[in-house]
């Protein structure tokens, strides 16, 4: 994927979810990762292929940056292998190719009180 398409995807997704984009997209000191939305520090990764290799380093860096700032780390994963006009969407308009991963401990906190099945 070209860097430009990756930046376009990042901007599009952060705008869609109402997140504030970090200056320099995380390249400036004091402004890590790609965006911030309420309690979440966001890192956006996208690909034009049908798969995306996950690097532990991405998660470790995101986790460290989020902890220092009192945020919940969230990895946003976007598959751009299907043209936007042909993408199946959810009722809220998100592509079925758009995912968010958070640490298990935060998922457990979010789902506390759900009935056990």
PDB file of N, CA and C in Angstrom:
ATOM      1  N   UNK A   1       0.851  -1.166   0.000  1.00  0.00           N
ATOM      2  CA  UNK A   1       0.000   0.000   0.000  1.00  0.00           C
ATOM      3  C   UNK A   1       0.897   1.228   0.000  1.00  0.00           C
ATOM      4  N   UNK A   2       0.498   2.173  -0.778  1.00  0.00           N
ATOM      5  CA  UNK A   2       1.302   3.387  -0.781  1.00  0.00           C
ATOM      6  C   UNK A   2       1.077   4.142   0.516  1.00  0.00           C
ATOM      7  N   UNK A   3       2.065   4.891   0.895  1.00  0.00           N
ATOM      8  CA  UNK A   3       1.968   5.682   2.124  1.00  0.00           C
ATOM      9  C   UNK A   3       0.776   6.628   2.041  1.00  0.00           C
ATOM     10  N   UNK A   4       0.543   7.202   0.863  1.00  0.00           N
ATOM     11  CA  UNK A   4      -0.545   8.146   0.687  1.00  0.00           C
ATOM     12  C   UNK A   4      -1.904   7.493   0.953  1.00  0.00           C
ATOM     13  N   UNK A   5      -2.125   6.281   0.451  1.00  0.00           N
ATOM     14  CA  UNK A   5      -3.391   5.586   0.690  1.00  0.00           C
ATOM     15  C   UNK A   5      -3.542   5.262   2.173  1.00  0.00           C
ATOM     16  N   UNK A   6      -2.451   4.886   2.823  1.00  0.00           N
ATOM     17  CA  UNK A   6      -2.502   4.614   4.254  1.00  0.00           C
ATOM     18  C   UNK A   6      -2.900   5.858   5.036  1.00  0.00           C
ATOM     19  N   UNK A   7      -2.348   7.012   4.666  1.00  0.00           N
ATOM     20  CA  UNK A   7      -2.688   8.266   5.337  1.00  0.00           C
ATOM     21  C   UNK A   7      -4.132   8.662   5.052  1.00  0.00           C
ATOM     22  N   UNK A   8      -4.587   8.435   3.817  1.00  0.00           N
ATOM     23  CA  UNK A   8      -5.980   8.745   3.471  1.00  0.00           C
ATOM     24  C   UNK A   8      -6.936   7.884   4.293  1.00  0.00           C
ATOM     25  N   UNK A   9      -6.614   6.607   4.408  1.00  0.00           N
ATOM     26  CA  UNK A   9      -7.450   5.697   5.186  1.00  0.00           C
ATOM     27  C   UNK A   9      -7.477   6.139   6.645  1.00  0.00           C
ATOM     28  N   UNK A  10      -6.321   6.457   7.183  1.00  0.00           N
ATOM     29  CA  UNK A  10      -6.228   6.907   8.577  1.00  0.00           C
ATOM     30  C   UNK A  10      -7.099   8.139   8.806  1.00  0.00           C
ATOM     31  N   UNK A  11      -6.969   9.128   7.943  1.00  0.00           N
ATOM     32  CA  UNK A  11      -7.769  10.357   8.086  1.00  0.00           C
ATOM     33  C   UNK A  11      -9.264  10.052   7.985  1.00  0.00           C
ATOM     34  N   UNK A  12      -9.647   9.225   7.008  1.00  0.00           N
ATOM     35  CA  UNK A  12     -11.060   8.889   6.795  1.00  0.00           C
ATOM     36  C   UNK A  12     -11.653   8.200   8.016  1.00  0.00           C
ATOM     37  N   UNK A  13     -10.944   7.232   8.560  1.00  0.00           N
ATOM     38  CA  UNK A  13     -11.456   6.462   9.701  1.00  0.00           C
ATOM     39  C   UNK A  13     -11.525   7.335  10.954  1.00  0.00           C
ATOM     40  N   UNK A  14     -10.473   8.095  11.225  1.00  0.00           N
ATOM     41  CA  UNK A  14     -10.482   8.947  12.417  1.00  0.00           C
ATOM     42  C   UNK A  14     -11.607   9.975  12.344  1.00  0.00           C
ATOM     43  N   UNK A  15     -11.838  10.536  11.165  1.00  0.00           N
ATOM     44  CA  UNK A  15     -12.930  11.495  10.999  1.00  0.00           C
ATOM     45  C   UNK A  15     -14.278  10.802  11.214  1.00  0.00           C
ATOM     46  N   UNK A  16     -14.439   9.618  10.646  1.00  0.00           N
ATOM     47  CA  UNK A  16     -15.712   8.897  10.742  1.00  0.00           C
ATOM     48  C   UNK A  16     -16.083   8.584  12.191  1.00  0.00           C
ATOM     49  N   UNK A  17     -15.084   8.239  13.012  1.00  0.00           N
ATOM     50  CA  UNK A  17     -15.390   7.897  14.406  1.00  0.00           C
ATOM     51  C   UNK A  17     -15.311   9.111  15.337  1.00  0.00           C
ATOM     52  N   UNK A  18     -14.977  10.265  14.770  1.00  0.00           N
ATOM     53  CA  UNK A  18     -14.931  11.480  15.583  1.00  0.00           C
ATOM     54  C   UNK A  18     -13.710  11.584  16.465  1.00  0.00           C
ATOM     55  N   UNK A  19     -12.622  10.963  16.046  1.00  0.00           N
ATOM     56  CA  UNK A  19     -11.379  11.002  16.821  1.00  0.00           C
ATOM     57  C   UNK A  19     -10.524  12.194  16.394  1.00  0.00           C
ATOM     58  N   UNK A  20      -9.729  12.684  17.327  1.00  0.00           N
ATOM     59  CA  UNK A  20      -8.780  13.758  17.038  1.00  0.00           C
ATOM     60  C   UNK A  20      -7.500  13.125  16.507  1.00  0.00           C
ATOM     61  N   UNK A  21      -7.068  13.554  15.338  1.00  0.00           N
ATOM     62  CA  UNK A  21      -5.839  13.030  14.742  1.00  0.00           C
ATOM     63  C   UNK A  21      -4.646  13.654  15.448  1.00  0.00           C
ATOM     64  N   UNK A  22      -3.656  12.831  15.753  1.00  0.00           N
ATOM     65  CA  UNK A  22      -2.446  13.320  16.406  1.00  0.00           C
ATOM     66  C   UNK A  22      -1.597  14.107  15.398  1.00  0.00           C
ATOM     67  N   UNK A  23      -1.022  15.245  15.818  1.00  0.00           N
ATOM     68  CA  UNK A  23      -0.143  16.005  14.918  1.00  0.00           C
ATOM     69  C   UNK A  23       0.995  15.114  14.412  1.00  0.00           C
ATOM     70  N   UNK A  24       1.224  15.161  13.134  1.00  0.00           N
ATOM     71  CA  UNK A  24       2.298  14.362  12.553  1.00  0.00           C
ATOM     72  C   UNK A  24       1.989  12.875  12.543  1.00  0.00           C
ATOM     73  N   UNK A  25       0.761  12.530  12.831  1.00  0.00           N
ATOM     74  CA  UNK A  25       0.335  11.121  12.861  1.00  0.00           C
ATOM     75  C   UNK A  25       1.235  10.277  13.744  1.00  0.00           C
ATOM     76  N   UNK A  26       1.552  10.832  14.906  1.00  0.00           N
ATOM     77  CA  UNK A  26       2.332  10.085  15.874  1.00  0.00           C
ATOM     78  C   UNK A  26       3.830  10.237  15.747  1.00  0.00           C
ATOM     79  N   UNK A  27       4.286  11.046  14.793  1.00  0.00           N
ATOM     80  CA  UNK A  27       5.735  11.180  14.607  1.00  0.00           C
ATOM     81  C   UNK A  27       6.348  12.299  15.451  1.00  0.00           C
ATOM     82  N   UNK A  28       5.516  13.098  16.113  1.00  0.00           N
ATOM     83  CA  UNK A  28       6.039  14.189  16.937  1.00  0.00           C
ATOM     84  C   UNK A  28       6.090  13.786  18.409  1.00  0.00           C
ATOM     85  N   UNK A  29       7.136  14.185  19.123  1.00  0.00           N
ATOM     86  CA  UNK A  29       7.228  13.867  20.553  1.00  0.00           C
ATOM     87  C   UNK A  29       6.021  14.412  21.313  1.00  0.00           C
ATOM     88  N   UNK A  30       5.476  13.605  22.206  1.00  0.00           N
ATOM     89  CA  UNK A  30       4.331  14.014  23.001  1.00  0.00           C
ATOM     90  C   UNK A  30       2.984  13.734  22.348  1.00  0.00           C
ATOM     91  N   UNK A  31       2.989  13.307  21.100  1.00  0.00           N
ATOM     92  CA  UNK A  31       1.751  13.005  20.375  1.00  0.00           C
ATOM     93  C   UNK A  31       1.866  11.639  19.710  1.00  0.00           C
ATOM     94  N   UNK A  32       1.846  10.567  20.511  1.00  0.00           N
ATOM     95  CA  UNK A  32       2.070   9.237  19.955  1.00  0.00           C
ATOM     96  C   UNK A  32       0.845   8.687  19.231  1.00  0.00           C
ATOM     97  N   UNK A  33       1.108   7.727  18.400  1.00  0.00           N
ATOM     98  CA  UNK A  33       0.085   6.976  17.686  1.00  0.00           C
ATOM     99  C   UNK A  33      -0.707   7.887  16.753  1.00  0.00           C
ATOM    100  N   UNK A  34      -1.862   7.423  16.289  1.00  0.00           N
ATOM    101  CA  UNK A  34      -2.559   8.133  15.217  1.00  0.00           C
ATOM    102  C   UNK A  34      -3.695   9.043  15.658  1.00  0.00           C
ATOM    103  N   UNK A  35      -4.399   8.674  16.727  1.00  0.00           N
ATOM    104  CA  UNK A  35      -5.532   9.487  17.123  1.00  0.00           C
ATOM    105  C   UNK A  35      -5.975   9.232  18.547  1.00  0.00           C
ATOM    106  N   UNK A  36      -6.875  10.102  19.031  1.00  0.00           N
ATOM    107  CA  UNK A  36      -7.430   9.986  20.375  1.00  0.00           C
ATOM    108  C   UNK A  36      -8.939  10.166  20.273  1.00  0.00           C
ATOM    109  N   UNK A  37      -9.666   9.285  20.922  1.00  0.00           N
ATOM    110  CA  UNK A  37     -11.133   9.368  21.001  1.00  0.00           C
ATOM    111  C   UNK A  37     -11.521   9.071  22.439  1.00  0.00           C
ATOM    112  N   UNK A  38     -11.944  10.103  23.161  1.00  0.00           N
ATOM    113  CA  UNK A  38     -12.332   9.956  24.562  1.00  0.00           C
ATOM    114  C   UNK A  38     -11.245   9.240  25.358  1.00  0.00           C
ATOM    115  N   UNK A  39     -11.547   8.062  25.879  1.00  0.00           N
ATOM    116  CA  UNK A  39     -10.596   7.308  26.712  1.00  0.00           C
ATOM    117  C   UNK A  39      -9.643   6.439  25.909  1.00  0.00           C
ATOM    118  N   UNK A  40      -9.675   6.512  24.592  1.00  0.00           N
ATOM    119  CA  UNK A  40      -8.911   5.586  23.753  1.00  0.00           C
ATOM    120  C   UNK A  40      -7.775   6.276  23.011  1.00  0.00           C
ATOM    121  N   UNK A  41      -6.618   5.625  22.998  1.00  0.00           N
ATOM    122  CA  UNK A  41      -5.498   6.022  22.164  1.00  0.00           C
ATOM    123  C   UNK A  41      -5.506   5.057  20.987  1.00  0.00           C
ATOM    124  N   UNK A  42      -5.556   5.577  19.771  1.00  0.00           N
ATOM    125  CA  UNK A  42      -5.774   4.767  18.576  1.00  0.00           C
ATOM    126  C   UNK A  42      -4.544   4.653  17.690  1.00  0.00           C
ATOM    127  N   UNK A  43      -4.332   3.475  17.196  1.00  0.00           N
ATOM    128  CA  UNK A  43      -3.330   3.213  16.164  1.00  0.00           C
ATOM    129  C   UNK A  43      -4.091   2.590  14.997  1.00  0.00           C
ATOM    130  N   UNK A  44      -3.968   3.187  13.809  1.00  0.00           N
ATOM    131  CA  UNK A  44      -4.677   2.697  12.628  1.00  0.00           C
ATOM    132  C   UNK A  44      -3.698   1.973  11.718  1.00  0.00           C
ATOM    133  N   UNK A  45      -4.048   0.749  11.362  1.00  0.00           N
ATOM    134  CA  UNK A  45      -3.259  -0.036  10.397  1.00  0.00           C
ATOM    135  C   UNK A  45      -4.206  -0.474   9.298  1.00  0.00           C
ATOM    136  N   UNK A  46      -3.757  -0.337   8.055  1.00  0.00           N
ATOM    137  CA  UNK A  46      -4.596  -0.741   6.940  1.00  0.00           C
ATOM    138  C   UNK A  46      -3.774  -1.479   5.900  1.00  0.00           C
ATOM    139  N   UNK A  47      -4.482  -2.243   5.067  1.00  0.00           N
ATOM    140  CA  UNK A  47      -3.827  -3.009   4.028  1.00  0.00           C
ATOM    141  C   UNK A  47      -4.733  -3.110   2.810  1.00  0.00           C
ATOM    142  N   UNK A  48      -4.133  -3.288   1.646  1.00  0.00           N
ATOM    143  CA  UNK A  48      -4.879  -3.517   0.411  1.00  0.00           C
ATOM    144  C   UNK A  48      -4.957  -5.010   0.115  1.00  0.00           C
ATOM    145  N   UNK A  49      -4.437  -5.809   0.996  1.00  0.00           N
ATOM    146  CA  UNK A  49      -4.442  -7.262   0.808  1.00  0.00           C
ATOM    147  C   UNK A  49      -5.517  -7.893   1.665  1.00  0.00           C
ATOM    148  N   UNK A  50      -5.679  -9.181   1.528  1.00  0.00           N
ATOM    149  CA  UNK A  50      -6.679  -9.911   2.288  1.00  0.00           C
ATOM    150  C   UNK A  50      -6.216 -10.287   3.677  1.00  0.00           C
ATOM    151  N   UNK A  51      -4.982  -9.903   4.048  1.00  0.00           N
ATOM    152  CA  UNK A  51      -4.486 -10.203   5.392  1.00  0.00           C
ATOM    153  C   UNK A  51      -3.541  -9.096   5.836  1.00  0.00           C
ATOM    154  N   UNK A  52      -3.361  -9.038   7.156  1.00  0.00           N
ATOM    155  CA  UNK A  52      -2.465  -8.046   7.741  1.00  0.00           C
ATOM    156  C   UNK A  52      -1.663  -8.737   8.827  1.00  0.00           C
ATOM    157  N   UNK A  53      -0.348  -8.738   8.696  1.00  0.00           N
ATOM    158  CA  UNK A  53       0.499  -9.320   9.731  1.00  0.00           C
ATOM    159  C   UNK A  53       0.488  -8.420  10.959  1.00  0.00           C
ATOM    160  N   UNK A  54       0.318  -9.020  12.115  1.00  0.00           N
ATOM    161  CA  UNK A  54       0.250  -8.267  13.359  1.00  0.00           C
ATOM    162  C   UNK A  54       1.607  -8.326  14.053  1.00  0.00           C
ATOM    163  N   UNK A  55       2.164  -7.167  14.368  1.00  0.00           N
ATOM    164  CA  UNK A  55       3.465  -7.105  15.034  1.00  0.00           C
ATOM    165  C   UNK A  55       3.266  -6.824  16.519  1.00  0.00           C
ATOM    166  N   UNK A  56       3.899  -7.627  17.344  1.00  0.00           N
ATOM    167  CA  UNK A  56       3.838  -7.422  18.792  1.00  0.00           C
ATOM    168  C   UNK A  56       4.337  -6.026  19.152  1.00  0.00           C
ATOM    169  N   UNK A  57       5.323  -5.530  18.429  1.00  0.00           N
ATOM    170  CA  UNK A  57       5.883  -4.200  18.686  1.00  0.00           C
ATOM    171  C   UNK A  57       4.799  -3.115  18.592  1.00  0.00           C
ATOM    172  N   UNK A  58       3.869  -3.236  17.624  1.00  0.00           N
ATOM    173  CA  UNK A  58       2.778  -2.260  17.512  1.00  0.00           C
ATOM    174  C   UNK A  58       1.977  -2.227  18.805  1.00  0.00           C
ATOM    175  N   UNK A  59       1.645  -3.423  19.301  1.00  0.00           N
ATOM    176  CA  UNK A  59       0.820  -3.519  20.510  1.00  0.00           C
ATOM    177  C   UNK A  59       1.569  -3.033  21.744  1.00  0.00           C
ATOM    178  N   UNK A  60       2.840  -3.400  21.853  1.00  0.00           N
ATOM    179  CA  UNK A  60       3.630  -2.973  23.005  1.00  0.00           C
ATOM    180  C   UNK A  60       3.792  -1.458  23.047  1.00  0.00           C
ATOM    181  N   UNK A  61       4.070  -0.857  21.898  1.00  0.00           N
ATOM    182  CA  UNK A  61       4.238   0.592  21.829  1.00  0.00           C
ATOM    183  C   UNK A  61       2.919   1.297  22.135  1.00  0.00           C
ATOM    184  N   UNK A  62       1.834   0.814  21.544  1.00  0.00           N
ATOM    185  CA  UNK A  62       0.518   1.388  21.784  1.00  0.00           C
ATOM    186  C   UNK A  62       0.142   1.272  23.261  1.00  0.00           C
ATOM    187  N   UNK A  63       0.396   0.102  23.841  1.00  0.00           N
ATOM    188  CA  UNK A  63       0.093  -0.135  25.261  1.00  0.00           C
ATOM    189  C   UNK A  63       0.875   0.822  26.154  1.00  0.00           C
ATOM    190  N   UNK A  64       2.165   0.953  25.892  1.00  0.00           N
ATOM    191  CA  UNK A  64       3.016   1.831  26.704  1.00  0.00           C
ATOM    192  C   UNK A  64       2.554   3.285  26.606  1.00  0.00           C
ATOM    193  N   UNK A  65       2.298   3.748  25.380  1.00  0.00           N
ATOM    194  CA  UNK A  65       1.853   5.126  25.183  1.00  0.00           C
ATOM    195  C   UNK A  65       0.509   5.386  25.852  1.00  0.00           C
ATOM    196  N   UNK A  66      -0.390   4.421  25.782  1.00  0.00           N
ATOM    197  CA  UNK A  66      -1.713   4.573  26.390  1.00  0.00           C
ATOM    198  C   UNK A  66      -1.613   4.604  27.911  1.00  0.00           C
ATOM    199  N   UNK A  67      -0.801   3.727  28.486  1.00  0.00           N
ATOM    200  CA  UNK A  67      -0.661   3.677  29.945  1.00  0.00           C
ATOM    201  C   UNK A  67      -0.145   4.998  30.494  1.00  0.00           C
ATOM    202  N   UNK A  68       0.861   5.563  29.847  1.00  0.00           N
ATOM    203  CA  UNK A  68       1.452   6.822  30.297  1.00  0.00           C
ATOM    204  C   UNK A  68       0.410   7.938  30.298  1.00  0.00           C
ATOM    205  N   UNK A  69      -0.560   7.864  29.384  1.00  0.00           N
ATOM    206  CA  UNK A  69      -1.561   8.915  29.225  1.00  0.00           C
ATOM    207  C   UNK A  69      -2.905   8.584  29.864  1.00  0.00           C
ATOM    208  N   UNK A  70      -2.973   7.422  30.541  1.00  0.00           N
ATOM    209  CA  UNK A  70      -4.225   7.027  31.176  1.00  0.00           C
ATOM    210  C   UNK A  70      -5.322   6.692  30.185  1.00  0.00           C
ATOM    211  N   UNK A  71      -4.944   6.171  29.033  1.00  0.00           N
ATOM    212  CA  UNK A  71      -5.894   5.835  27.973  1.00  0.00           C
ATOM    213  C   UNK A  71      -5.972   4.318  27.787  1.00  0.00           C
ATOM    214  N   UNK A  72      -6.976   3.887  27.064  1.00  0.00           N
ATOM    215  CA  UNK A  72      -7.126   2.489  26.682  1.00  0.00           C
ATOM    216  C   UNK A  72      -6.566   2.350  25.270  1.00  0.00           C
ATOM    217  N   UNK A  73      -5.634   1.430  25.056  1.00  0.00           N
ATOM    218  CA  UNK A  73      -5.081   1.257  23.718  1.00  0.00           C
ATOM    219  C   UNK A  73      -6.078   0.544  22.809  1.00  0.00           C
ATOM    220  N   UNK A  74      -6.203   1.021  21.564  1.00  0.00           N
ATOM    221  CA  UNK A  74      -7.096   0.392  20.600  1.00  0.00           C
ATOM    222  C   UNK A  74      -6.426   0.385  19.228  1.00  0.00           C
ATOM    223  N   UNK A  75      -6.319  -0.808  18.645  1.00  0.00           N
ATOM    224  CA  UNK A  75      -5.739  -0.975  17.322  1.00  0.00           C
ATOM    225  C   UNK A  75      -6.880  -1.066  16.319  1.00  0.00           C
ATOM    226  N   UNK A  76      -6.942  -0.105  15.402  1.00  0.00           N
ATOM    227  CA  UNK A  76      -7.973  -0.080  14.367  1.00  0.00           C
ATOM    228  C   UNK A  76      -7.378  -0.745  13.132  1.00  0.00           C
ATOM    229  N   UNK A  77      -8.072  -1.756  12.614  1.00  0.00           N
ATOM    230  CA  UNK A  77      -7.585  -2.545  11.481  1.00  0.00           C
ATOM    231  C   UNK A  77      -8.558  -2.377  10.320  1.00  0.00           C
ATOM    232  N   UNK A  78      -8.033  -1.927   9.173  1.00  0.00           N
ATOM    233  CA  UNK A  78      -8.867  -1.661   8.004  1.00  0.00           C
ATOM    234  C   UNK A  78      -8.350  -2.467   6.815  1.00  0.00           C
ATOM    235  N   UNK A  79      -9.250  -3.206   6.194  1.00  0.00           N
ATOM    236  CA  UNK A  79      -8.917  -3.948   4.975  1.00  0.00           C
ATOM    237  C   UNK A  79      -9.454  -3.167   3.780  1.00  0.00           C
ATOM    238  N   UNK A  80      -8.541  -2.612   2.982  1.00  0.00           N
ATOM    239  CA  UNK A  80      -8.900  -1.822   1.812  1.00  0.00           C
ATOM    240  C   UNK A  80      -8.910  -2.660   0.536  1.00  0.00           C
ATOM    241  N   UNK A  81      -8.956  -3.990   0.664  1.00  0.00           N
ATOM    242  CA  UNK A  81      -8.882  -4.826  -0.528  1.00  0.00           C
ATOM    243  C   UNK A  81     -10.190  -4.846  -1.318  1.00  0.00           C
ATOM    244  N   UNK A  82     -11.270  -4.319  -0.735  1.00  0.00           N
ATOM    245  CA  UNK A  82     -12.552  -4.217  -1.420  1.00  0.00           C
ATOM    246  C   UNK A  82     -12.828  -2.735  -1.645  1.00  0.00           C
ATOM    247  N   UNK A  83     -13.108  -2.321  -2.883  1.00  0.00           N
ATOM    248  CA  UNK A  83     -13.396  -0.904  -3.121  1.00  0.00           C
ATOM    249  C   UNK A  83     -14.539  -0.415  -2.238  1.00  0.00           C
ATOM    250  N   UNK A  84     -14.439   0.824  -1.752  1.00  0.00           N
ATOM    251  CA  UNK A  84     -15.412   1.372  -0.812  1.00  0.00           C
ATOM    252  C   UNK A  84     -16.840   1.238  -1.336  1.00  0.00           C
ATOM    253  N   UNK A  85     -17.084   1.482  -2.607  1.00  0.00           N
ATOM    254  CA  UNK A  85     -18.432   1.400  -3.161  1.00  0.00           C
ATOM    255  C   UNK A  85     -19.008  -0.007  -3.165  1.00  0.00           C
ATOM    256  N   UNK A  86     -18.149  -1.019  -3.068  1.00  0.00           N
ATOM    257  CA  UNK A  86     -18.602  -2.411  -3.109  1.00  0.00           C
ATOM    258  C   UNK A  86     -18.587  -3.067  -1.739  1.00  0.00           C
ATOM    259  N   UNK A  87     -18.207  -2.338  -0.726  1.00  0.00           N
ATOM    260  CA  UNK A  87     -18.074  -2.914   0.613  1.00  0.00           C
ATOM    261  C   UNK A  87     -19.445  -3.147   1.238  1.00  0.00           C
ATOM    262  N   UNK A  88     -19.585  -4.297   1.863  1.00  0.00           N
ATOM    263  CA  UNK A  88     -20.794  -4.555   2.645  1.00  0.00           C
ATOM    264  C   UNK A  88     -20.678  -3.718   3.906  1.00  0.00           C
ATOM    265  N   UNK A  89     -21.780  -3.119   4.333  1.00  0.00           N
ATOM    266  CA  UNK A  89     -21.710  -2.263   5.507  1.00  0.00           C
ATOM    267  C   UNK A  89     -22.695  -2.699   6.576  1.00  0.00           C
ATOM    268  N   UNK A  90     -22.389  -2.285   7.783  1.00  0.00           N
ATOM    269  CA  UNK A  90     -23.271  -2.517   8.924  1.00  0.00           C
ATOM    270  C   UNK A  90     -24.333  -1.420   8.910  1.00  0.00           C
ATOM    271  N   UNK A  91     -25.360  -1.526   9.745  1.00  0.00           N
ATOM    272  CA  UNK A  91     -26.376  -0.470   9.792  1.00  0.00           C
ATOM    273  C   UNK A  91     -25.809   0.919  10.100  1.00  0.00           C
ATOM    274  N   UNK A  92     -24.673   0.994  10.777  1.00  0.00           N
ATOM    275  CA  UNK A  92     -24.069   2.300  11.095  1.00  0.00           C
ATOM    276  C   UNK A  92     -23.136   2.791   9.997  1.00  0.00           C
ATOM    277  N   UNK A  93     -22.998   2.022   8.918  1.00  0.00           N
ATOM    278  CA  UNK A  93     -22.203   2.474   7.791  1.00  0.00           C
ATOM    279  C   UNK A  93     -20.746   2.067   7.804  1.00  0.00           C
ATOM    280  N   UNK A  94     -20.332   1.302   8.797  1.00  0.00           N
ATOM    281  CA  UNK A  94     -18.952   0.840   8.824  1.00  0.00           C
ATOM    282  C   UNK A  94     -18.817  -0.381   7.942  1.00  0.00           C
ATOM    283  N   UNK A  95     -17.673  -0.505   7.271  1.00  0.00           N
ATOM    284  CA  UNK A  95     -17.445  -1.678   6.455  1.00  0.00           C
ATOM    285  C   UNK A  95     -17.239  -2.907   7.325  1.00  0.00           C
ATOM    286  N   UNK A  96     -17.648  -4.038   6.829  1.00  0.00           N
ATOM    287  CA  UNK A  96     -17.421  -5.277   7.563  1.00  0.00           C
ATOM    288  C   UNK A  96     -15.936  -5.599   7.614  1.00  0.00           C
ATOM    289  N   UNK A  97     -15.150  -4.841   6.867  1.00  0.00           N
ATOM    290  CA  UNK A  97     -13.704  -5.021   6.846  1.00  0.00           C
ATOM    291  C   UNK A  97     -13.008  -4.148   7.894  1.00  0.00           C
ATOM    292  N   UNK A  98     -13.777  -3.396   8.688  1.00  0.00           N
ATOM    293  CA  UNK A  98     -13.226  -2.475   9.686  1.00  0.00           C
ATOM    294  C   UNK A  98     -13.351  -3.100  11.070  1.00  0.00           C
ATOM    295  N   UNK A  99     -12.217  -3.209  11.775  1.00  0.00           N
ATOM    296  CA  UNK A  99     -12.188  -3.864  13.089  1.00  0.00           C
ATOM    297  C   UNK A  99     -11.418  -3.022  14.090  1.00  0.00           C
ATOM    298  N   UNK A 100     -11.696  -3.251  15.370  1.00  0.00           N
ATOM    299  CA  UNK A 100     -10.946  -2.623  16.452  1.00  0.00           C
ATOM    300  C   UNK A 100     -10.559  -3.706  17.450  1.00  0.00           C
ATOM    301  N   UNK A 101      -9.297  -3.730  17.843  1.00  0.00           N
ATOM    302  CA  UNK A 101      -8.800  -4.693  18.834  1.00  0.00           C
ATOM    303  C   UNK A 101      -8.364  -3.934  20.078  1.00  0.00           C
ATOM    304  N   UNK A 102      -8.809  -4.433  21.240  1.00  0.00           N
ATOM    305  CA  UNK A 102      -8.415  -3.849  22.523  1.00  0.00           C
ATOM    306  C   UNK A 102      -7.899  -4.973  23.415  1.00  0.00           C
ATOM    307  N   UNK A 103      -7.130  -4.644  24.463  1.00  0.00           N
ATOM    308  CA  UNK A 103      -6.640  -5.682  25.379  1.00  0.00           C
ATOM    309  C   UNK A 103      -7.800  -6.424  26.059  1.00  0.00           C
ATOM    310  N   UNK A 104      -7.577  -7.688  26.368  1.00  0.00           N
ATOM    311  CA  UNK A 104      -8.596  -8.525  27.006  1.00  0.00           C
ATOM    312  C   UNK A 104      -9.110  -7.898  28.297  1.00  0.00           C
ATOM    313  N   UNK A 105      -8.221  -7.322  29.111  1.00  0.00           N
ATOM    314  CA  UNK A 105      -8.664  -6.748  30.391  1.00  0.00           C
ATOM    315  C   UNK A 105      -9.678  -5.634  30.167  1.00  0.00           C
ATOM    316  N   UNK A 106      -9.500  -4.845  29.116  1.00  0.00           N
ATOM    317  CA  UNK A 106     -10.435  -3.765  28.824  1.00  0.00           C
ATOM    318  C   UNK A 106     -11.732  -4.309  28.237  1.00  0.00           C
ATOM    319  N   UNK A 107     -11.640  -5.361  27.445  1.00  0.00           N
ATOM    320  CA  UNK A 107     -12.841  -6.016  26.926  1.00  0.00           C
ATOM    321  C   UNK A 107     -13.665  -6.583  28.080  1.00  0.00           C
ATOM    322  N   UNK A 108     -12.973  -7.204  29.041  1.00  0.00           N
ATOM    323  CA  UNK A 108     -13.676  -7.760  30.205  1.00  0.00           C
ATOM    324  C   UNK A 108     -14.380  -6.659  31.000  1.00  0.00           C
ATOM    325  N   UNK A 109     -13.732  -5.505  31.139  1.00  0.00           N
ATOM    326  CA  UNK A 109     -14.374  -4.384  31.836  1.00  0.00           C
ATOM    327  C   UNK A 109     -15.593  -3.878  31.075  1.00  0.00           C
ATOM    328  N   UNK A 110     -15.478  -3.812  29.757  1.00  0.00           N
ATOM    329  CA  UNK A 110     -16.600  -3.353  28.941  1.00  0.00           C
ATOM    330  C   UNK A 110     -17.775  -4.314  28.968  1.00  0.00           C
ATOM    331  N   UNK A 111     -17.482  -5.598  29.115  1.00  0.00           N
ATOM    332  CA  UNK A 111     -18.538  -6.606  29.048  1.00  0.00           C
ATOM    333  C   UNK A 111     -18.966  -7.115  30.422  1.00  0.00           C
ATOM    334  N   UNK A 112     -18.433  -6.525  31.487  1.00  0.00           N
ATOM    335  CA  UNK A 112     -18.805  -6.938  32.823  1.00  0.00           C
ATOM    336  C   UNK A 112     -20.325  -6.802  32.979  1.00  0.00           C
ATOM    337  N   UNK A 113     -20.932  -7.812  33.499  1.00  0.00           N
ATOM    338  CA  UNK A 113     -22.376  -7.794  33.665  1.00  0.00           C
ATOM    339  C   UNK A 113     -23.120  -8.486  32.533  1.00  0.00           C
ATOM    340  N   UNK A 114     -22.401  -8.813  31.443  1.00  0.00           N
ATOM    341  CA  UNK A 114     -23.059  -9.576  30.385  1.00  0.00           C
ATOM    342  C   UNK A 114     -23.376 -10.955  30.942  1.00  0.00           C
ATOM    343  N   UNK A 115     -24.477 -11.516  30.542  1.00  0.00           N
ATOM    344  CA  UNK A 115     -24.820 -12.859  31.008  1.00  0.00           C
ATOM    345  C   UNK A 115     -23.831 -13.874  30.460  1.00  0.00           C
ATOM    346  N   UNK A 116     -23.519 -14.847  31.284  1.00  0.00           N
ATOM    347  CA  UNK A 116     -22.648 -15.919  30.824  1.00  0.00           C
ATOM    348  C   UNK A 116     -23.456 -16.832  29.920  1.00  0.00           C
ATOM    349  N   UNK A 117     -22.832 -17.280  28.857  1.00  0.00           N
ATOM    350  CA  UNK A 117     -23.570 -18.172  27.941  1.00  0.00           C
ATOM    351  C   UNK A 117     -22.967 -19.541  27.907  1.00  0.00           C
TER     352      UNK A 117
END
